[in-house]
Amino acid sequence: MRKLRPYFIEHSIAANAYASLVRQRIGELREIRLSGYSTLQGCMERRFAPAMNTCAAVARRQEGVRRVHRVVEHEG
């Protein structure tokens, strides 16, 4: 368990940083909406946001498992 913790923390931090960078860069594009076409920002939010939400959920779950493991280790 201890060996996995840094892996998940590092990847969670990296995913958050990447998400911020992607959103910033897409915002800088200043897209013009064309009738009948989706914007890159809209497309990315439909596809990218759920992926980032999954990363956040995994990080929260991993933190919960870590806490339980610490309590069990302390009691045992």
Protein backbone atom coordinates (compact mmCIF):
# COMPACT_ATOMS: atom_id res chain seq x y z
CA MET A 1 0.00 0.00 0.00
CA ARG A 2 2.75 2.45 0.88
CA LYS A 3 4.48 1.93 -2.44
CA LEU A 4 1.30 2.73 -4.37
CA ARG A 5 0.47 5.94 -2.53
CA PRO A 6 3.11 8.19 -4.13
CA TYR A 7 2.15 6.83 -7.56
CA PHE A 8 -1.48 7.86 -7.15
CA ILE A 9 -0.64 11.21 -5.58
CA GLU A 10 1.82 12.10 -8.33
CA HIS A 11 -0.59 11.08 -11.07
CA SER A 12 -3.47 12.94 -9.47
CA ILE A 13 -1.39 16.11 -9.24
CA ALA A 14 -0.23 15.66 -12.83
CA ALA A 15 -3.80 15.08 -14.07
CA ASN A 16 -5.01 18.25 -12.35
CA ALA A 17 -2.14 20.27 -13.77
CA TYR A 18 -2.79 18.88 -17.24
CA ALA A 19 -6.51 19.63 -17.01
CA SER A 20 -5.77 23.23 -16.03
CA LEU A 21 -3.33 23.61 -18.89
CA VAL A 22 -5.76 22.14 -21.44
CA ARG A 23 -8.59 24.40 -20.30
CA GLN A 24 -6.31 27.44 -20.35
CA ARG A 25 -5.02 26.72 -23.84
CA ILE A 26 -8.49 26.04 -25.24
CA GLY A 27 -9.68 29.31 -23.68
CA GLU A 28 -6.86 31.13 -25.45
CA LEU A 29 -8.08 29.90 -28.83
CA ARG A 30 -11.04 32.31 -28.76
CA GLU A 31 -13.15 30.05 -30.90
CA ILE A 32 -15.97 31.37 -33.01
CA ARG A 33 -19.04 29.18 -32.97
CA LEU A 34 -20.22 28.08 -36.41
CA SER A 35 -23.79 26.95 -36.91
CA GLY A 36 -24.03 23.18 -37.04
CA TYR A 37 -20.54 22.59 -35.64
CA SER A 38 -19.34 21.89 -32.15
CA THR A 39 -16.52 23.99 -30.73
CA LEU A 40 -13.32 22.35 -29.57
CA GLN A 41 -14.08 23.60 -26.08
CA GLY A 42 -17.52 21.98 -26.12
CA CYS A 43 -16.14 18.74 -27.46
CA MET A 44 -13.36 18.65 -24.89
CA GLU A 45 -15.72 19.37 -22.03
CA ARG A 46 -17.97 16.51 -23.07
CA ARG A 47 -15.03 14.10 -23.38
CA PHE A 48 -12.29 15.50 -21.18
CA ALA A 49 -14.28 16.61 -18.12
CA PRO A 50 -15.67 13.10 -17.41
CA ALA A 51 -12.14 11.68 -17.67
CA MET A 52 -10.84 14.26 -15.20
CA ASN A 53 -13.81 13.55 -12.90
CA THR A 54 -12.84 9.87 -12.98
CA CYS A 55 -9.26 10.75 -12.02
CA ALA A 56 -10.53 12.84 -9.10
CA ALA A 57 -12.87 10.05 -7.97
CA VAL A 58 -10.03 7.51 -8.04
CA ALA A 59 -7.83 9.87 -6.03
CA ARG A 60 -10.58 10.35 -3.41
CA ARG A 61 -11.18 6.61 -3.21
CA GLN A 62 -7.45 5.94 -2.87
CA GLU A 63 -7.26 8.47 -0.05
CA GLY A 64 -10.15 6.71 1.70
CA VAL A 65 -8.45 3.34 1.34
CA ARG A 66 -5.24 4.85 2.70
CA ARG A 67 -7.06 6.17 5.77
CA VAL A 68 -8.73 2.81 6.43
CA HIS A 69 -5.40 1.05 6.02
CA ARG A 70 -3.78 3.45 8.50
CA VAL A 71 -6.55 2.85 11.09
CA VAL A 72 -6.35 -0.94 10.67
CA GLU A 73 -2.57 -0.83 10.92
CA HIS A 74 -2.79 1.30 14.07
CA GLU A 75 -5.33 -1.02 15.73
CA GLY A 76 -3.54 -4.21 14.69
